[in-house]
Structures are given as C-alpha cells and as structure tokens.
N, C-alpha and C. Protein backbone atom coordinates (compact mmCIF):
# COMPACT_ATOMS: atom_id res chain seq x y z
N UNK A 1 113.53 64.48 155.81
CA UNK A 1 113.40 65.27 155.10
C UNK A 1 114.06 65.58 153.81
N UNK A 2 114.97 65.35 154.04
CA UNK A 2 116.11 65.24 152.79
C UNK A 2 115.77 64.46 151.73
N UNK A 3 115.51 63.42 152.48
CA UNK A 3 115.10 61.96 151.22
C UNK A 3 114.20 62.72 150.37
N UNK A 4 112.95 63.56 151.04
CA UNK A 4 111.92 64.05 150.12
C UNK A 4 112.62 64.93 149.13
N UNK A 5 113.17 65.91 149.26
CA UNK A 5 113.93 66.77 148.57
C UNK A 5 114.92 66.04 147.83
N UNK A 6 115.87 64.81 147.96
CA UNK A 6 116.48 64.15 147.09
C UNK A 6 115.92 63.47 145.76
N UNK A 7 114.36 62.81 145.83
CA UNK A 7 113.52 62.75 144.91
C UNK A 7 113.28 63.64 144.17
N UNK A 8 112.94 64.61 144.42
CA UNK A 8 112.28 66.03 143.26
C UNK A 8 113.50 66.25 142.24
N UNK A 9 112.43 65.71 141.03
CA UNK A 9 113.51 66.06 139.61
C UNK A 9 113.14 67.58 139.18
N UNK A 10 114.47 67.99 138.87
CA UNK A 10 114.58 69.10 138.38
C UNK A 10 114.11 68.98 136.66
N UNK A 11 113.72 70.39 136.19
CA UNK A 11 113.18 70.20 134.67
C UNK A 11 114.42 70.59 134.39
N UNK A 12 115.10 70.07 133.12
CA UNK A 12 115.80 70.32 132.53
C UNK A 12 116.15 71.49 131.42
N UNK A 13 116.55 72.27 131.03
CA UNK A 13 116.68 73.35 130.57
C UNK A 13 115.74 73.63 129.20
N UNK A 14 116.23 72.52 128.62
CA UNK A 14 115.35 72.29 127.14
C UNK A 14 113.96 72.28 127.27
N UNK A 15 113.33 72.03 128.50
CA UNK A 15 111.73 72.34 128.64
C UNK A 15 111.86 73.20 129.01
N UNK A 16 112.28 74.39 130.09
CA UNK A 16 111.85 75.75 130.59
C UNK A 16 111.65 76.04 129.06
N UNK A 17 113.04 76.44 127.87
CA UNK A 17 112.86 77.16 127.01
C UNK A 17 111.78 76.78 126.38
N UNK A 18 111.32 75.46 126.22
CA UNK A 18 110.16 75.38 125.35
C UNK A 18 109.08 75.82 125.82
N UNK A 19 108.51 75.60 126.86
CA UNK A 19 107.56 76.63 127.73
C UNK A 19 107.46 77.61 127.48
N UNK A 20 108.94 78.55 127.75
CA UNK A 20 109.06 79.91 127.72
C UNK A 20 108.73 80.40 125.82
N UNK A 21 109.20 79.45 125.27
CA UNK A 21 108.79 79.91 123.50
C UNK A 21 107.43 79.65 123.53
N UNK A 22 106.83 78.74 124.13
CA UNK A 22 105.15 78.52 123.89
C UNK A 22 104.47 80.11 124.30
N UNK A 23 105.04 80.47 125.61
CA UNK A 23 104.16 81.73 126.43
C UNK A 23 104.54 82.94 125.14
N UNK A 24 105.66 82.94 124.64
CA UNK A 24 105.51 84.26 123.94
C UNK A 24 105.11 84.18 122.74
N UNK A 25 105.09 82.90 122.12
CA UNK A 25 103.89 82.53 120.62
C UNK A 25 102.96 82.90 121.31
N UNK A 26 102.14 82.94 122.01
CA UNK A 26 100.86 83.15 122.40
C UNK A 26 100.75 84.81 123.02
N UNK A 27 101.76 85.44 123.08
CA UNK A 27 101.92 86.32 123.49
C UNK A 27 101.95 87.68 122.64
N UNK A 28 102.58 87.17 121.15
CA UNK A 28 102.63 87.90 119.98
C UNK A 28 101.32 88.39 119.23
N UNK A 29 101.32 89.51 118.65
CA UNK A 29 100.44 89.57 117.99
C UNK A 29 100.08 88.72 116.70
N UNK A 30 99.20 88.89 116.16
CA UNK A 30 98.76 88.26 115.01
C UNK A 30 99.70 88.80 113.66
N UNK A 31 100.00 87.77 112.58
CA UNK A 31 100.90 88.70 111.54
C UNK A 31 99.67 88.93 110.90
N UNK A 32 100.48 90.43 110.17
CA UNK A 32 99.75 91.30 109.69
C UNK A 32 100.56 91.23 107.91
N UNK A 33 100.10 91.54 106.97
CA UNK A 33 100.47 91.62 105.79
C UNK A 33 101.40 92.62 105.65
N UNK A 34 102.74 91.85 104.68
CA UNK A 34 103.90 92.88 104.92
C UNK A 34 103.92 94.28 104.54
N UNK A 35 103.08 94.05 103.24
CA UNK A 35 103.10 95.67 102.96
C UNK A 35 101.71 95.98 102.29
N UNK A 36 101.63 97.21 102.05
CA UNK A 36 100.10 97.38 101.63
C UNK A 36 100.30 98.16 100.22
N UNK A 37 99.54 98.24 99.48
CA UNK A 37 99.51 97.95 97.96
C UNK A 37 98.31 99.64 98.23
N UNK A 38 98.48 100.59 97.65
CA UNK A 38 97.99 101.69 97.56
C UNK A 38 97.38 102.06 96.63
N UNK A 39 95.99 102.65 95.93
CA UNK A 39 95.72 102.74 94.78
C UNK A 39 94.45 103.92 95.08
N UNK A 40 94.12 105.14 94.14
CA UNK A 40 93.19 105.58 94.42
C UNK A 40 91.95 105.30 93.69
N UNK A 41 90.86 105.57 94.22
CA UNK A 41 89.76 105.24 93.60
C UNK A 41 89.23 105.23 92.10
N UNK A 42 88.68 104.26 91.25
CA UNK A 42 88.78 104.43 90.19
C UNK A 42 90.31 104.81 89.01
N UNK A 43 91.02 104.23 89.86
CA UNK A 43 92.67 104.07 89.09
C UNK A 43 93.05 102.90 89.58
N UNK A 44 94.22 102.54 88.61
CA UNK A 44 94.43 101.43 88.53
C UNK A 44 96.29 101.48 88.89
N UNK A 45 96.72 100.12 89.61
CA UNK A 45 98.42 100.02 89.94
C UNK A 45 98.97 98.44 89.46
N UNK A 46 100.14 98.62 88.91
CA UNK A 46 100.76 97.43 88.86
C UNK A 46 101.55 97.09 90.05
N UNK A 47 101.19 95.56 90.53
CA UNK A 47 102.06 94.90 91.14
C UNK A 47 102.76 93.61 90.78
N UNK A 48 103.87 93.29 91.30
CA UNK A 48 104.54 91.64 90.86
C UNK A 48 103.84 90.51 91.96
N UNK A 49 103.02 89.34 91.18
CA UNK A 49 102.61 88.12 91.84
C UNK A 49 103.97 87.49 91.88
N UNK A 50 104.09 86.80 93.37
CA UNK A 50 104.80 85.36 93.39
C UNK A 50 105.00 84.56 92.61
N UNK A 51 105.83 83.66 92.32
CA UNK A 51 105.58 82.73 91.01
C UNK A 51 104.50 81.69 92.13
N UNK A 52 103.87 80.80 90.96
CA UNK A 52 103.39 79.24 91.14
C UNK A 52 101.84 79.83 92.08
N UNK A 53 101.45 80.93 91.81
CA UNK A 53 100.10 81.68 91.56
C UNK A 53 99.03 80.83 91.25
N UNK A 54 97.91 80.16 91.88
CA UNK A 54 96.84 79.53 91.32
C UNK A 54 95.47 80.22 91.31
N UNK A 55 95.52 80.90 93.12
CA UNK A 55 94.20 81.15 93.66
C UNK A 55 94.63 82.91 93.82
N UNK A 56 93.47 83.95 93.42
CA UNK A 56 93.53 85.07 94.33
C UNK A 56 92.45 84.96 94.90
N UNK A 57 92.37 85.80 96.24
CA UNK A 57 91.03 85.55 96.82
C UNK A 57 91.39 87.43 97.69
N UNK A 58 90.02 88.06 96.98
CA UNK A 58 90.60 89.77 97.44
C UNK A 58 89.02 89.37 98.89
N UNK A 59 89.37 90.21 99.74
CA UNK A 59 88.54 89.89 100.97
C UNK A 59 87.20 90.91 100.57
N UNK A 60 87.27 91.90 100.15
CA UNK A 60 86.15 92.72 99.75
C UNK A 60 86.16 93.61 98.31
N UNK A 61 85.21 93.08 97.49
CA UNK A 61 85.55 93.15 95.73
C UNK A 61 84.76 94.23 95.81
N UNK A 62 84.71 94.79 96.51
CA UNK A 62 83.49 96.46 96.22
C UNK A 62 84.43 97.48 96.63
N UNK A 63 85.83 96.52 97.50
CA UNK A 63 86.99 97.67 97.51
C UNK A 63 87.55 97.83 96.76
N UNK A 64 87.87 96.53 95.58
CA UNK A 64 89.47 96.97 95.05
C UNK A 64 88.93 95.49 94.19
N UNK A 65 89.45 95.46 92.96
CA UNK A 65 89.31 94.71 92.26
C UNK A 65 90.88 94.23 91.66
N UNK A 66 91.08 92.70 91.06
CA UNK A 66 92.35 92.48 90.48
C UNK A 66 92.26 91.89 89.43
N UNK A 67 93.16 91.74 88.43
CA UNK A 67 93.26 91.01 87.43
C UNK A 67 94.60 90.61 87.00
N UNK A 68 95.15 89.52 86.75
CA UNK A 68 96.19 88.87 86.37
C UNK A 68 96.74 88.99 84.68
N UNK A 69 97.54 89.39 84.55
CA UNK A 69 97.90 89.60 83.40
C UNK A 69 99.54 89.00 82.80
N UNK A 70 99.90 88.69 82.01
CA UNK A 70 100.84 87.82 81.62
C UNK A 70 102.22 88.07 82.52
N UNK A 71 103.28 87.02 82.95
CA UNK A 71 104.16 87.29 83.42
C UNK A 71 104.50 87.64 84.99
N UNK A 72 103.07 87.54 85.26
CA UNK A 72 102.74 87.57 86.79
C UNK A 72 102.68 89.00 87.13
N UNK A 73 102.04 89.68 86.24
CA UNK A 73 101.70 91.11 86.79
C UNK A 73 100.09 90.99 87.38
N UNK A 74 100.13 91.93 88.25
CA UNK A 74 98.53 92.20 88.96
C UNK A 74 98.26 93.37 88.88
N UNK A 75 97.18 93.49 88.39
CA UNK A 75 96.72 94.64 88.13
C UNK A 75 95.52 95.56 89.45
N UNK A 76 95.41 96.07 90.09
CA UNK A 76 94.75 96.77 91.19
C UNK A 76 93.81 97.86 90.72
N UNK A 77 92.62 97.37 90.78
CA UNK A 77 91.90 98.93 90.40
C UNK A 77 91.29 99.11 91.64
N UNK A 78 91.52 100.33 92.25
CA UNK A 78 90.35 100.98 93.26
C UNK A 78 88.60 100.98 92.57
N UNK A 79 88.16 100.46 93.70
CA UNK A 79 86.53 100.56 93.47
C UNK A 79 85.70 101.31 93.83
N UNK A 80 86.11 101.26 95.47
CA UNK A 80 85.41 102.34 97.12
C UNK A 80 86.53 102.29 97.37
N UNK A 81 86.41 103.21 98.56
CA UNK A 81 87.06 103.45 99.42
C UNK A 81 87.20 102.46 100.80
N UNK A 82 88.43 102.29 101.19
CA UNK A 82 88.81 101.59 102.31
C UNK A 82 89.89 100.61 102.12
N UNK A 83 89.88 99.66 103.20
CA UNK A 83 91.08 99.03 102.94
C UNK A 83 90.52 97.23 103.11
N UNK A 84 90.81 96.64 102.00
CA UNK A 84 90.71 95.02 102.03
C UNK A 84 91.99 94.15 101.99
N UNK A 85 92.02 92.60 101.98
CA UNK A 85 92.93 92.07 101.87
C UNK A 85 93.10 91.15 100.63
N UNK A 86 94.45 90.93 100.28
CA UNK A 86 94.68 89.93 99.00
C UNK A 86 95.23 89.01 99.44
N UNK A 87 95.10 87.44 99.01
CA UNK A 87 95.61 86.42 99.54
C UNK A 87 95.87 85.83 97.99
N UNK A 88 97.53 85.47 97.90
CA UNK A 88 97.94 84.48 96.73
C UNK A 88 98.12 82.85 97.30
N UNK A 89 97.15 82.09 96.72
CA UNK A 89 97.57 80.78 97.19
C UNK A 89 98.10 79.82 95.75
N UNK A 90 98.82 78.77 96.22
CA UNK A 90 99.18 77.97 95.50
C UNK A 90 98.07 76.77 95.22
N UNK A 91 98.55 75.94 94.21
CA UNK A 91 97.60 75.10 93.63
C UNK A 91 97.02 74.34 95.10
N UNK A 92 98.17 73.47 95.82
CA UNK A 92 97.93 73.03 97.00
C UNK A 92 97.01 73.70 97.93
N UNK A 93 96.70 74.99 98.27
CA UNK A 93 96.45 75.86 99.11
C UNK A 93 97.22 76.68 99.74
N UNK A 94 98.37 76.48 99.75
CA UNK A 94 99.60 77.13 100.55
C UNK A 94 99.18 78.42 100.30
N UNK A 95 99.26 79.26 101.15
CA UNK A 95 99.24 80.47 101.07
C UNK A 95 100.47 81.35 100.82
N UNK A 96 100.95 81.85 99.29
CA UNK A 96 102.14 82.52 99.26
C UNK A 96 102.33 84.03 99.49
N UNK A 97 101.34 84.89 99.42
CA UNK A 97 101.44 85.85 99.78
C UNK A 97 99.94 86.59 100.16
N UNK A 98 100.15 87.84 101.35
CA UNK A 98 99.03 88.12 101.60
C UNK A 98 99.63 89.65 101.62
N UNK A 99 98.93 90.90 101.42
CA UNK A 99 98.66 91.93 101.41
C UNK A 99 97.27 92.66 101.58
N UNK A 100 97.75 94.04 101.83
CA UNK A 100 96.52 94.79 102.22
C UNK A 100 95.99 95.55 100.78
N UNK A 101 95.26 96.02 100.85
CA UNK A 101 94.88 97.18 99.46
C UNK A 101 93.97 98.17 100.18
N UNK A 102 94.91 99.11 100.13
CA UNK A 102 94.10 100.52 100.89
C UNK A 102 93.67 101.38 99.18
N UNK A 103 92.24 101.43 99.28
CA UNK A 103 91.94 102.77 98.58
C UNK A 103 91.38 103.52 98.88
N UNK A 104 92.24 104.96 98.80
CA UNK A 104 92.14 106.45 99.01
C UNK A 104 91.09 107.28 97.92
N UNK A 105 90.99 108.44 98.39
CA UNK A 105 90.34 109.36 97.63
C UNK A 105 91.25 109.50 96.16
N UNK A 106 90.34 110.70 95.01
CA UNK A 106 91.39 111.24 94.05
C UNK A 106 92.45 112.03 95.17
N UNK A 107 93.29 112.03 93.66
CA UNK A 107 94.43 112.41 93.78
C UNK A 107 94.56 114.14 93.08
N UNK A 108 93.20 114.20 92.05
CA UNK A 108 93.42 115.26 91.45
C UNK A 108 92.90 116.53 92.08
N UNK A 109 92.70 117.84 91.86
CA UNK A 109 92.02 118.57 92.43
C UNK A 109 90.67 118.54 92.13
N UNK A 110 90.31 118.30 93.37
CA UNK A 110 88.35 118.31 93.18
C UNK A 110 87.80 119.21 93.80
N UNK A 111 86.48 119.49 93.49
CA UNK A 111 85.48 120.56 94.18
C UNK A 111 84.39 119.91 94.05
N UNK A 112 83.78 120.35 95.46
CA UNK A 112 82.78 119.64 95.80
C UNK A 112 82.19 120.62 96.23
N UNK A 113 80.55 120.80 95.61
CA UNK A 113 79.62 121.79 95.89
C UNK A 113 78.35 120.89 96.45
N UNK A 114 77.57 121.52 97.40
CA UNK A 114 76.30 120.87 98.74
C UNK A 114 75.27 121.73 97.85
N UNK A 115 74.22 120.95 97.22
CA UNK A 115 73.21 121.94 97.08
C UNK A 115 71.90 121.45 97.80
N UNK A 116 71.16 121.94 98.72
CA UNK A 116 70.76 121.18 99.80
C UNK A 116 71.90 120.01 100.41
N UNK A 117 70.94 118.93 100.77
CA UNK A 117 71.63 117.56 100.91
C UNK A 117 72.39 116.82 100.00
N UNK A 118 72.38 117.30 98.74
CA UNK A 118 73.16 116.62 97.39
C UNK A 118 74.61 117.37 97.41
N UNK A 119 75.20 116.10 97.02
CA UNK A 119 76.40 116.62 97.03
C UNK A 119 76.90 116.31 95.53
N UNK A 120 77.47 117.01 94.77
CA UNK A 120 78.17 116.97 93.29
C UNK A 120 79.91 117.23 93.35
N UNK A 121 80.44 116.49 92.59
CA UNK A 121 81.79 116.66 92.84
C UNK A 121 82.37 117.03 91.41
N UNK A 122 83.31 117.92 91.23
CA UNK A 122 84.35 118.12 89.94
C UNK A 122 85.61 117.95 89.96
N UNK A 123 86.00 117.80 88.96
CA UNK A 123 87.72 117.53 88.79
C UNK A 123 87.50 118.79 88.10
N UNK A 124 88.58 119.46 88.74
CA UNK A 124 89.20 120.97 88.01
C UNK A 124 90.54 120.60 87.50
N UNK A 125 91.03 120.43 86.73
CA UNK A 125 92.13 120.53 86.07
C UNK A 125 92.29 120.41 84.67
N UNK A 126 92.75 121.51 84.02
CA UNK A 126 92.90 122.83 84.88
C UNK A 126 91.14 123.11 85.02
N UNK A 127 90.48 123.04 84.07
CA UNK A 127 88.64 123.60 84.03
C UNK A 127 88.19 122.48 84.91
N UNK A 128 86.85 122.82 85.07
CA UNK A 128 86.39 121.77 86.59
C UNK A 128 85.07 121.04 85.16
N UNK A 129 85.09 119.86 85.46
CA UNK A 129 84.18 118.77 84.83
C UNK A 129 83.87 118.20 85.85
N UNK A 130 82.51 117.34 85.67
CA UNK A 130 81.78 116.28 86.42
C UNK A 130 82.66 115.52 86.65
N UNK A 131 82.55 115.05 87.91
CA UNK A 131 83.16 113.59 88.41
C UNK A 131 82.27 112.84 88.96
N UNK A 132 82.14 111.73 88.79
CA UNK A 132 81.27 110.40 89.42
C UNK A 132 82.24 110.08 90.55
N UNK A 133 81.90 110.27 91.93
CA UNK A 133 82.36 110.07 93.08
C UNK A 133 81.39 109.68 94.02
N UNK A 134 81.98 108.47 94.96
CA UNK A 134 81.16 107.85 95.79
C UNK A 134 80.56 108.70 96.62
N UNK A 135 79.34 108.87 97.34
CA UNK A 135 78.82 109.74 97.48
C UNK A 135 77.99 110.57 97.42
N UNK A 136 78.30 111.31 95.81
CA UNK A 136 77.60 112.07 95.49
C UNK A 136 76.17 112.03 95.36
N UNK A 137 75.37 112.96 94.85
CA UNK A 137 73.37 112.96 94.88
C UNK A 137 73.31 111.98 93.67
N UNK A 138 72.36 111.11 93.89
CA UNK A 138 71.82 110.53 93.16
C UNK A 138 71.40 110.96 91.79
N UNK A 139 70.80 112.05 91.26
CA UNK A 139 70.63 112.51 90.18
C UNK A 139 71.91 113.28 89.68
N UNK A 140 72.36 113.88 90.22
CA UNK A 140 74.38 114.10 89.81
C UNK A 140 74.79 113.01 89.13
N UNK A 141 74.83 111.53 90.26
CA UNK A 141 75.82 110.43 89.65
C UNK A 141 75.15 109.92 88.56
N UNK A 142 73.85 109.88 88.17
CA UNK A 142 72.92 109.20 87.13
C UNK A 142 73.40 109.99 86.07
N UNK A 143 73.13 111.34 86.27
CA UNK A 143 73.05 112.31 84.88
C UNK A 143 75.00 112.11 84.39
N UNK A 144 76.12 112.34 85.35
CA UNK A 144 77.07 111.95 84.96
C UNK A 144 77.25 110.26 84.27
N UNK A 145 76.86 109.77 84.79
CA UNK A 145 76.97 108.33 84.10
C UNK A 145 76.70 108.25 83.25
N UNK A 146 75.32 108.89 82.75
CA UNK A 146 75.02 108.72 81.41
C UNK A 146 75.72 109.44 80.59
N UNK A 147 75.94 110.76 80.64
CA UNK A 147 77.20 111.12 79.71
C UNK A 147 78.08 110.35 79.46
N UNK A 148 78.70 109.75 80.54
CA UNK A 148 79.90 108.97 80.20
C UNK A 148 79.83 107.60 79.10
N UNK A 149 78.56 107.30 79.52
CA UNK A 149 78.44 105.78 78.73
C UNK A 149 77.76 106.34 77.14
N UNK A 150 77.32 107.53 77.39
CA UNK A 150 76.90 107.81 75.87
C UNK A 150 78.55 108.16 75.21
N UNK A 151 79.32 109.01 75.81
CA UNK A 151 80.64 109.48 75.02
C UNK A 151 81.16 108.41 74.75
N UNK A 152 81.58 107.25 75.39
CA UNK A 152 82.28 105.96 75.34
C UNK A 152 81.38 105.33 73.74
N UNK A 153 80.19 105.07 74.08
CA UNK A 153 79.21 104.70 72.74
C UNK A 153 79.65 105.32 71.75
N UNK A 154 79.35 106.52 71.61
CA UNK A 154 79.95 107.45 70.63
C UNK A 154 81.58 107.05 70.01
N UNK A 155 82.17 107.28 70.97
CA UNK A 155 83.59 106.84 70.62
C UNK A 155 83.93 105.21 69.74
N UNK A 156 83.22 104.61 70.52
CA UNK A 156 83.05 102.83 69.88
C UNK A 156 82.89 103.37 68.61
N UNK A 157 81.66 103.72 68.13
CA UNK A 157 80.82 104.07 66.73
C UNK A 157 82.04 104.56 65.99
N UNK A 158 82.71 105.63 66.50
CA UNK A 158 83.57 106.11 65.67
C UNK A 158 85.01 105.66 65.13
N UNK A 159 85.30 104.88 66.00
CA UNK A 159 86.25 103.46 65.71
C UNK A 159 86.05 102.67 65.14
N UNK A 160 84.61 102.20 64.88
CA UNK A 160 84.66 101.23 64.16
C UNK A 160 84.34 101.45 62.68
N UNK A 161 84.11 102.97 62.58
CA UNK A 161 83.58 103.37 61.24
C UNK A 161 84.89 103.87 60.53
N UNK A 162 85.41 104.35 61.15
CA UNK A 162 87.01 105.09 60.74
C UNK A 162 87.78 104.10 59.80
N UNK A 163 88.37 104.52 59.25
CA UNK A 163 89.46 103.48 57.93
C UNK A 163 90.57 102.60 58.95
N UNK A 164 91.25 101.63 58.43
CA UNK A 164 92.13 101.03 59.53
C UNK A 164 93.11 101.92 58.82
N UNK A 165 94.05 102.17 60.22
CA UNK A 165 95.32 103.24 60.11
C UNK A 165 96.33 102.43 59.72
N UNK A 166 97.28 103.03 58.63
CA UNK A 166 98.60 102.25 58.40
C UNK A 166 99.34 102.41 59.08
N UNK A 167 100.38 101.44 59.66
CA UNK A 167 101.57 101.71 60.40
C UNK A 167 102.78 101.29 59.85
N UNK A 168 103.47 102.50 60.01
CA UNK A 168 104.85 102.16 58.81
C UNK A 168 104.85 101.94 58.04
N UNK A 169 104.24 102.37 56.97
CA UNK A 169 103.90 101.55 55.57
C UNK A 169 104.83 102.01 54.58
N UNK A 170 104.87 103.14 54.19
CA UNK A 170 105.65 103.49 52.78
C UNK A 170 107.10 103.43 52.66
N UNK A 171 107.99 102.86 53.77
CA UNK A 171 108.98 103.44 53.28
C UNK A 171 109.85 104.49 53.36
N UNK A 172 109.18 105.38 53.05
CA UNK A 172 110.12 106.86 53.07
C UNK A 172 109.86 107.43 54.77
N UNK A 173 110.86 106.52 55.05
CA UNK A 173 111.39 107.71 56.67
C UNK A 173 110.06 107.70 57.43
N UNK A 174 108.42 106.83 57.55
CA UNK A 174 107.69 107.06 58.05
C UNK A 174 106.60 107.62 57.97
N UNK A 175 106.65 108.25 56.70
CA UNK A 175 105.77 109.33 55.92
C UNK A 175 104.96 108.60 55.23
N UNK A 176 103.55 108.45 55.93
CA UNK A 176 102.61 107.95 55.24
C UNK A 176 101.73 108.53 54.29
N UNK A 177 101.98 109.51 53.92
CA UNK A 177 101.07 110.71 52.92
C UNK A 177 101.38 110.14 51.60
N UNK A 178 100.35 109.93 50.80
CA UNK A 178 100.68 109.39 49.54
C UNK A 178 101.11 110.38 48.45
N UNK A 179 102.14 109.82 47.18
CA UNK A 179 102.52 110.95 46.53
C UNK A 179 101.87 110.60 45.36
N UNK A 180 101.59 112.16 44.64
CA UNK A 180 101.51 111.58 43.18
C UNK A 180 102.19 111.68 42.05
C-alpha cells in the first residue's frame, strides 16, 4: 500500500495558485464604468476624452447625445431621463474608456400643474414660465414647443436684418460712438 502513495504526484504550488486565481476571476462582479457623467435634461456638460478616440458609441441616444469638439472636449447633452453608457474606441476597435451617463430632472424650481390627467410644467425663477418637460400633456407640450420655435425664428430674422456690429473699432478706448 505504501507503493501506491509513493507514486502519487503532488501538485506544484503554482498550479494551485493558478486554479485559485481562475476561481476568483469567475466570482468577481463584472467591471463597471469608472465614473458617471451627470447632466440635467435639456442641459449640457463638458468632459475630456482620452487621446486617440476614433469612435464614440452611445447606448441609448434618446437619453443622451454627445458631440466632440476641438482639443478632445466632449459635450454631453441630456435628452431624456435615465442612465445610458458611452464607449470610446480607438481605430483598431480597442476600448479606451467606458462611462455611464445619468440624465436627471431639472435643477431649477419647477411647478407642476395637473388639469385632470394632463400635466403642465412651469419653470419659476423668479417668474413662472411654461417649460417643456417629458411627461407633459400633448396639447401643452405642443403649444409650448410652437411658441419656442416661433421665438427662435423671430430671433434669427432679427439677427439677419441687424447691421453688422463693429468690434473694438475707433481706437478711442473702446468707444465706438461716432464723433461729429
């Protein structure tokens, strides 16, 4: 019987450590995005991208939208409530960064008015004005949207018809008034 034990091979310590490491890897939770970009709905924030980014992938573009500016600046705009993710890839498809984007409700003082089942939202800083918010009643949302579009159109027309402004011009300490 001692001959049977004499031929039994003991496992080297590096095999035992390797098996333990493999078990530990299976038991750890999956990696999460290191940090979260928080932005309010209908607002934007700026973040820095890692170098060599060639492609940005947004998990749900209905929640957040991104645009890349010069110098590796990333502008993140909140489109709808919730959490999505952003993945930055290099030209070879390697992941350079992964971040969560959390879009939260408005940070200003709001008043919500319910008229039956229809909801209306007003931004009250300091006077209450209609505010388009996801979840508002269809008629209120459309009316507020049309007013905003009309206002933007009038502003574009006024800017197009205004004479060009003179910047820094007369050499008299920044005073651009004409002298007679």
